[in-house]
Amino acid sequence: METDPLNEVRSIRRKISEECNDNPNKVFEFYLKHQEESKRSGKYRFVNTPLEHVRAAPAPEQSDERER
């Protein structure tokens, strides 16, 4: 049976949120810290494009296993 990558990402995000006691501020701090660590590692390239130069694309349809 193949795993659905989207469901796997959602599962990981839920675990991170639970580790942060479902506190949005703590979740944001977690991702910010992870981003800074990734930048310092030099393994990834980050691009800083001003938002006014980014075209918004319509969001794809989303569903969540918990909502079913």
PDB file of N, CA and C in Angstrom:
ATOM      1  N   MET A   1       0.838  -1.183   0.000  1.00  0.00           N
ATOM      2  CA  MET A   1       0.000   0.000   0.000  1.00  0.00           C
ATOM      3  C   MET A   1       0.883   1.247   0.000  1.00  0.00           C
ATOM      4  N   GLU A   2       0.632   2.147  -0.932  1.00  0.00           N
ATOM      5  CA  GLU A   2       1.412   3.373  -1.022  1.00  0.00           C
ATOM      6  C   GLU A   2       0.963   4.364   0.046  1.00  0.00           C
ATOM      7  N   THR A   3       1.935   5.114   0.547  1.00  0.00           N
ATOM      8  CA  THR A   3       1.585   6.159   1.498  1.00  0.00           C
ATOM      9  C   THR A   3       1.293   7.442   0.728  1.00  0.00           C
ATOM     10  N   ASP A   4       0.359   8.189   1.210  1.00  0.00           N
ATOM     11  CA  ASP A   4       0.000   9.464   0.591  1.00  0.00           C
ATOM     12  C   ASP A   4       0.909  10.537   1.182  1.00  0.00           C
ATOM     13  N   PRO A   5       1.765  11.147   0.354  1.00  0.00           N
ATOM     14  CA  PRO A   5       2.702  12.150   0.887  1.00  0.00           C
ATOM     15  C   PRO A   5       2.005  13.302   1.612  1.00  0.00           C
ATOM     16  N   LEU A   6       0.850  13.716   1.111  1.00  0.00           N
ATOM     17  CA  LEU A   6       0.139  14.826   1.744  1.00  0.00           C
ATOM     18  C   LEU A   6      -0.326  14.444   3.144  1.00  0.00           C
ATOM     19  N   ASN A   7      -0.846  13.242   3.288  1.00  0.00           N
ATOM     20  CA  ASN A   7      -1.269  12.784   4.615  1.00  0.00           C
ATOM     21  C   ASN A   7      -0.076  12.646   5.552  1.00  0.00           C
ATOM     22  N   GLU A   8       1.071  12.239   4.998  1.00  0.00           N
ATOM     23  CA  GLU A   8       2.274  12.126   5.813  1.00  0.00           C
ATOM     24  C   GLU A   8       2.723  13.497   6.323  1.00  0.00           C
ATOM     25  N   VAL A   9       2.682  14.501   5.464  1.00  0.00           N
ATOM     26  CA  VAL A   9       3.042  15.866   5.866  1.00  0.00           C
ATOM     27  C   VAL A   9       2.078  16.358   6.933  1.00  0.00           C
ATOM     28  N   ARG A  10       0.792  16.130   6.735  1.00  0.00           N
ATOM     29  CA  ARG A  10      -0.196  16.569   7.729  1.00  0.00           C
ATOM     30  C   ARG A  10       0.029  15.897   9.072  1.00  0.00           C
ATOM     31  N   SER A  11       0.369  14.625   9.027  1.00  0.00           N
ATOM     32  CA  SER A  11       0.627  13.893  10.267  1.00  0.00           C
ATOM     33  C   SER A  11       1.820  14.487  11.013  1.00  0.00           C
ATOM     34  N   ILE A  12       2.877  14.799  10.277  1.00  0.00           N
ATOM     35  CA  ILE A  12       4.067  15.397  10.888  1.00  0.00           C
ATOM     36  C   ILE A  12       3.728  16.764  11.473  1.00  0.00           C
ATOM     37  N   ARG A  13       2.952  17.546  10.741  1.00  0.00           N
ATOM     38  CA  ARG A  13       2.567  18.875  11.241  1.00  0.00           C
ATOM     39  C   ARG A  13       1.725  18.762  12.505  1.00  0.00           C
ATOM     40  N   ARG A  14       0.828  17.773  12.552  1.00  0.00           N
ATOM     41  CA  ARG A  14       0.019  17.576  13.760  1.00  0.00           C
ATOM     42  C   ARG A  14       0.905  17.233  14.956  1.00  0.00           C
ATOM     43  N   LYS A  15       1.904  16.363  14.722  1.00  0.00           N
ATOM     44  CA  LYS A  15       2.813  15.969  15.806  1.00  0.00           C
ATOM     45  C   LYS A  15       3.583  17.185  16.323  1.00  0.00           C
ATOM     46  N   ILE A  16       4.054  18.021  15.402  1.00  0.00           N
ATOM     47  CA  ILE A  16       4.781  19.227  15.810  1.00  0.00           C
ATOM     48  C   ILE A  16       3.866  20.127  16.628  1.00  0.00           C
ATOM     49  N   SER A  17       2.631  20.295  16.171  1.00  0.00           N
ATOM     50  CA  SER A  17       1.678  21.123  16.894  1.00  0.00           C
ATOM     51  C   SER A  17       1.411  20.560  18.295  1.00  0.00           C
ATOM     52  N   GLU A  18       1.256  19.246  18.384  1.00  0.00           N
ATOM     53  CA  GLU A  18       1.018  18.615  19.683  1.00  0.00           C
ATOM     54  C   GLU A  18       2.210  18.831  20.614  1.00  0.00           C
ATOM     55  N   GLU A  19       3.439  18.724  20.063  1.00  0.00           N
ATOM     56  CA  GLU A  19       4.640  18.948  20.873  1.00  0.00           C
ATOM     57  C   GLU A  19       4.692  20.383  21.396  1.00  0.00           C
ATOM     58  N   CYS A  20       4.046  21.289  20.676  1.00  0.00           N
ATOM     59  CA  CYS A  20       4.008  22.703  21.078  1.00  0.00           C
ATOM     60  C   CYS A  20       2.722  23.014  21.838  1.00  0.00           C
ATOM     61  N   ASN A  21       2.064  21.988  22.352  1.00  0.00           N
ATOM     62  CA  ASN A  21       0.811  22.124  23.102  1.00  0.00           C
ATOM     63  C   ASN A  21      -0.267  22.860  22.304  1.00  0.00           C
ATOM     64  N   ASP A  22      -0.252  22.665  20.985  1.00  0.00           N
ATOM     65  CA  ASP A  22      -1.224  23.288  20.074  1.00  0.00           C
ATOM     66  C   ASP A  22      -1.284  24.805  20.232  1.00  0.00           C
ATOM     67  N   ASN A  23      -0.168  25.384  20.649  1.00  0.00           N
ATOM     68  CA  ASN A  23      -0.068  26.832  20.819  1.00  0.00           C
ATOM     69  C   ASN A  23       0.501  27.417  19.521  1.00  0.00           C
ATOM     70  N   PRO A  24      -0.294  28.212  18.780  1.00  0.00           N
ATOM     71  CA  PRO A  24       0.181  28.731  17.492  1.00  0.00           C
ATOM     72  C   PRO A  24       1.472  29.536  17.591  1.00  0.00           C
ATOM     73  N   ASN A  25       1.662  30.270  18.674  1.00  0.00           N
ATOM     74  CA  ASN A  25       2.893  31.042  18.834  1.00  0.00           C
ATOM     75  C   ASN A  25       4.104  30.123  18.978  1.00  0.00           C
ATOM     76  N   LYS A  26       3.942  29.042  19.731  1.00  0.00           N
ATOM     77  CA  LYS A  26       5.039  28.088  19.896  1.00  0.00           C
ATOM     78  C   LYS A  26       5.318  27.344  18.585  1.00  0.00           C
ATOM     79  N   VAL A  27       4.270  27.028  17.842  1.00  0.00           N
ATOM     80  CA  VAL A  27       4.447  26.368  16.552  1.00  0.00           C
ATOM     81  C   VAL A  27       5.228  27.281  15.615  1.00  0.00           C
ATOM     82  N   PHE A  28       4.847  28.554  15.580  1.00  0.00           N
ATOM     83  CA  PHE A  28       5.555  29.522  14.740  1.00  0.00           C
ATOM     84  C   PHE A  28       7.020  29.611  15.149  1.00  0.00           C
ATOM     85  N   GLU A  29       7.298  29.667  16.453  1.00  0.00           N
ATOM     86  CA  GLU A  29       8.675  29.727  16.940  1.00  0.00           C
ATOM     87  C   GLU A  29       9.449  28.476  16.542  1.00  0.00           C
ATOM     88  N   PHE A  30       8.790  27.324  16.596  1.00  0.00           N
ATOM     89  CA  PHE A  30       9.424  26.067  16.200  1.00  0.00           C
ATOM     90  C   PHE A  30       9.880  26.145  14.746  1.00  0.00           C
ATOM     91  N   TYR A  31       8.965  26.550  13.853  1.00  0.00           N
ATOM     92  CA  TYR A  31       9.304  26.624  12.430  1.00  0.00           C
ATOM     93  C   TYR A  31      10.357  27.693  12.160  1.00  0.00           C
ATOM     94  N   LEU A  32      10.287  28.806  12.855  1.00  0.00           N
ATOM     95  CA  LEU A  32      11.272  29.865  12.684  1.00  0.00           C
ATOM     96  C   LEU A  32      12.662  29.378  13.095  1.00  0.00           C
ATOM     97  N   LYS A  33      12.731  28.687  14.232  1.00  0.00           N
ATOM     98  CA  LYS A  33      14.003  28.136  14.704  1.00  0.00           C
ATOM     99  C   LYS A  33      14.545  27.115  13.700  1.00  0.00           C
ATOM    100  N   HIS A  34      13.663  26.247  13.207  1.00  0.00           N
ATOM    101  CA  HIS A  34      14.075  25.231  12.240  1.00  0.00           C
ATOM    102  C   HIS A  34      14.590  25.889  10.954  1.00  0.00           C
ATOM    103  N   GLN A  35      13.927  26.947  10.523  1.00  0.00           N
ATOM    104  CA  GLN A  35      14.349  27.673   9.323  1.00  0.00           C
ATOM    105  C   GLN A  35      15.741  28.267   9.516  1.00  0.00           C
ATOM    106  N   GLU A  36      15.964  28.908  10.664  1.00  0.00           N
ATOM    107  CA  GLU A  36      17.267  29.513  10.926  1.00  0.00           C
ATOM    108  C   GLU A  36      18.368  28.451  10.977  1.00  0.00           C
ATOM    109  N   GLU A  37      18.071  27.301  11.576  1.00  0.00           N
ATOM    110  CA  GLU A  37      19.053  26.219  11.621  1.00  0.00           C
ATOM    111  C   GLU A  37      19.351  25.713  10.212  1.00  0.00           C
ATOM    112  N   SER A  38      18.327  25.629   9.383  1.00  0.00           N
ATOM    113  CA  SER A  38      18.516  25.182   7.999  1.00  0.00           C
ATOM    114  C   SER A  38      19.361  26.170   7.216  1.00  0.00           C
ATOM    115  N   LYS A  39      19.134  27.460   7.432  1.00  0.00           N
ATOM    116  CA  LYS A  39      19.936  28.493   6.759  1.00  0.00           C
ATOM    117  C   LYS A  39      21.401  28.374   7.166  1.00  0.00           C
ATOM    118  N   ARG A  40      21.644  28.233   8.473  1.00  0.00           N
ATOM    119  CA  ARG A  40      23.019  28.152   8.967  1.00  0.00           C
ATOM    120  C   ARG A  40      23.743  26.915   8.455  1.00  0.00           C
ATOM    121  N   SER A  41      23.015  25.847   8.200  1.00  0.00           N
ATOM    122  CA  SER A  41      23.644  24.605   7.744  1.00  0.00           C
ATOM    123  C   SER A  41      24.271  24.761   6.367  1.00  0.00           C
ATOM    124  N   GLY A  42      23.735  25.691   5.568  1.00  0.00           N
ATOM    125  CA  GLY A  42      24.240  25.879   4.216  1.00  0.00           C
ATOM    126  C   GLY A  42      23.771  24.813   3.245  1.00  0.00           C
ATOM    127  N   LYS A  43      22.975  23.878   3.718  1.00  0.00           N
ATOM    128  CA  LYS A  43      22.496  22.778   2.883  1.00  0.00           C
ATOM    129  C   LYS A  43      21.388  23.235   1.932  1.00  0.00           C
ATOM    130  N   TYR A  44      20.659  24.267   2.324  1.00  0.00           N
ATOM    131  CA  TYR A  44      19.521  24.742   1.546  1.00  0.00           C
ATOM    132  C   TYR A  44      19.730  26.180   1.110  1.00  0.00           C
ATOM    133  N   ARG A  45      19.108  26.538   0.020  1.00  0.00           N
ATOM    134  CA  ARG A  45      19.180  27.906  -0.486  1.00  0.00           C
ATOM    135  C   ARG A  45      17.826  28.564  -0.239  1.00  0.00           C
ATOM    136  N   PHE A  46      17.819  29.716   0.372  1.00  0.00           N
ATOM    137  CA  PHE A  46      16.598  30.452   0.658  1.00  0.00           C
ATOM    138  C   PHE A  46      16.536  31.672  -0.242  1.00  0.00           C
ATOM    139  N   VAL A  47      15.370  31.946  -0.770  1.00  0.00           N
ATOM    140  CA  VAL A  47      15.170  33.089  -1.651  1.00  0.00           C
ATOM    141  C   VAL A  47      14.235  34.056  -0.957  1.00  0.00           C
ATOM    142  N   ASN A  48      14.614  35.314  -0.916  1.00  0.00           N
ATOM    143  CA  ASN A  48      13.781  36.341  -0.300  1.00  0.00           C
ATOM    144  C   ASN A  48      13.216  37.221  -1.407  1.00  0.00           C
ATOM    145  N   THR A  49      11.989  36.938  -1.815  1.00  0.00           N
ATOM    146  CA  THR A  49      11.320  37.709  -2.853  1.00  0.00           C
ATOM    147  C   THR A  49      10.243  38.554  -2.197  1.00  0.00           C
ATOM    148  N   PRO A  50      10.263  39.849  -2.415  1.00  0.00           N
ATOM    149  CA  PRO A  50       9.199  40.681  -1.848  1.00  0.00           C
ATOM    150  C   PRO A  50       7.829  40.183  -2.302  1.00  0.00           C
ATOM    151  N   LEU A  51       6.875  40.167  -1.393  1.00  0.00           N
ATOM    152  CA  LEU A  51       5.560  39.624  -1.704  1.00  0.00           C
ATOM    153  C   LEU A  51       4.866  40.338  -2.854  1.00  0.00           C
ATOM    154  N   GLU A  52       5.150  41.620  -3.051  1.00  0.00           N
ATOM    155  CA  GLU A  52       4.468  42.338  -4.130  1.00  0.00           C
ATOM    156  C   GLU A  52       4.899  41.822  -5.502  1.00  0.00           C
ATOM    157  N   HIS A  53       6.003  41.029  -5.551  1.00  0.00           N
ATOM    158  CA  HIS A  53       6.469  40.477  -6.820  1.00  0.00           C
ATOM    159  C   HIS A  53       6.057  39.021  -7.001  1.00  0.00           C
ATOM    160  N   VAL A  54       5.310  38.496  -6.075  1.00  0.00           N
ATOM    161  CA  VAL A  54       4.890  37.094  -6.143  1.00  0.00           C
ATOM    162  C   VAL A  54       3.440  37.038  -6.598  1.00  0.00           C
ATOM    163  N   ARG A  55       3.191  36.236  -7.611  1.00  0.00           N
ATOM    164  CA  ARG A  55       1.816  36.054  -8.082  1.00  0.00           C
ATOM    165  C   ARG A  55       1.122  35.010  -7.239  1.00  0.00           C
ATOM    166  N   ALA A  56      -0.048  35.332  -6.806  1.00  0.00           N
ATOM    167  CA  ALA A  56      -0.816  34.385  -6.007  1.00  0.00           C
ATOM    168  C   ALA A  56      -1.511  33.402  -6.934  1.00  0.00           C
ATOM    169  N   ALA A  57      -1.384  32.128  -6.609  1.00  0.00           N
ATOM    170  CA  ALA A  57      -2.079  31.087  -7.355  1.00  0.00           C
ATOM    171  C   ALA A  57      -3.258  30.613  -6.510  1.00  0.00           C
ATOM    172  N   PRO A  58      -4.311  30.177  -7.157  1.00  0.00           N
ATOM    173  CA  PRO A  58      -5.443  29.668  -6.370  1.00  0.00           C
ATOM    174  C   PRO A  58      -5.001  28.466  -5.537  1.00  0.00           C
ATOM    175  N   ALA A  59      -5.472  28.410  -4.314  1.00  0.00           N
ATOM    176  CA  ALA A  59      -5.119  27.304  -3.430  1.00  0.00           C
ATOM    177  C   ALA A  59      -5.806  26.033  -3.906  1.00  0.00           C
ATOM    178  N   PRO A  60      -5.086  24.907  -3.878  1.00  0.00           N
ATOM    179  CA  PRO A  60      -5.709  23.643  -4.268  1.00  0.00           C
ATOM    180  C   PRO A  60      -6.742  23.218  -3.228  1.00  0.00           C
ATOM    181  N   GLU A  61      -7.650  22.401  -3.648  1.00  0.00           N
ATOM    182  CA  GLU A  61      -8.672  21.864  -2.747  1.00  0.00           C
ATOM    183  C   GLU A  61      -7.976  21.097  -1.636  1.00  0.00           C
ATOM    184  N   GLN A  62      -8.360  21.332  -0.393  1.00  0.00           N
ATOM    185  CA  GLN A  62      -7.733  20.640   0.724  1.00  0.00           C
ATOM    186  C   GLN A  62      -8.775  19.812   1.466  1.00  0.00           C
ATOM    187  N   SER A  63      -8.319  18.661   1.940  1.00  0.00           N
ATOM    188  CA  SER A  63      -9.165  17.872   2.822  1.00  0.00           C
ATOM    189  C   SER A  63      -8.262  17.315   3.910  1.00  0.00           C
ATOM    190  N   ASP A  64      -8.832  17.062   5.020  1.00  0.00           N
ATOM    191  CA  ASP A  64      -8.082  16.588   6.157  1.00  0.00           C
ATOM    192  C   ASP A  64      -8.750  15.314   6.649  1.00  0.00           C
ATOM    193  N   GLU A  65      -7.946  14.288   6.918  1.00  0.00           N
ATOM    194  CA  GLU A  65      -8.483  13.022   7.386  1.00  0.00           C
ATOM    195  C   GLU A  65      -9.354  13.193   8.634  1.00  0.00           C
ATOM    196  N   ARG A  66      -8.991  14.134   9.499  1.00  0.00           N
ATOM    197  CA  ARG A  66      -9.759  14.330  10.738  1.00  0.00           C
ATOM    198  C   ARG A  66     -11.147  14.887  10.454  1.00  0.00           C
ATOM    199  N   GLU A  67     -11.329  15.528   9.301  1.00  0.00           N
ATOM    200  CA  GLU A  67     -12.614  16.125   8.985  1.00  0.00           C
ATOM    201  C   GLU A  67     -13.604  15.115   8.410  1.00  0.00           C
ATOM    202  N   ARG A  68     -13.121  13.927   8.063  1.00  0.00           N
ATOM    203  CA  ARG A  68     -13.975  12.906   7.433  1.00  0.00           C
ATOM    204  C   ARG A  68     -14.734  12.103   8.433  1.00  0.00           C
TER     205      ARG A  68
END
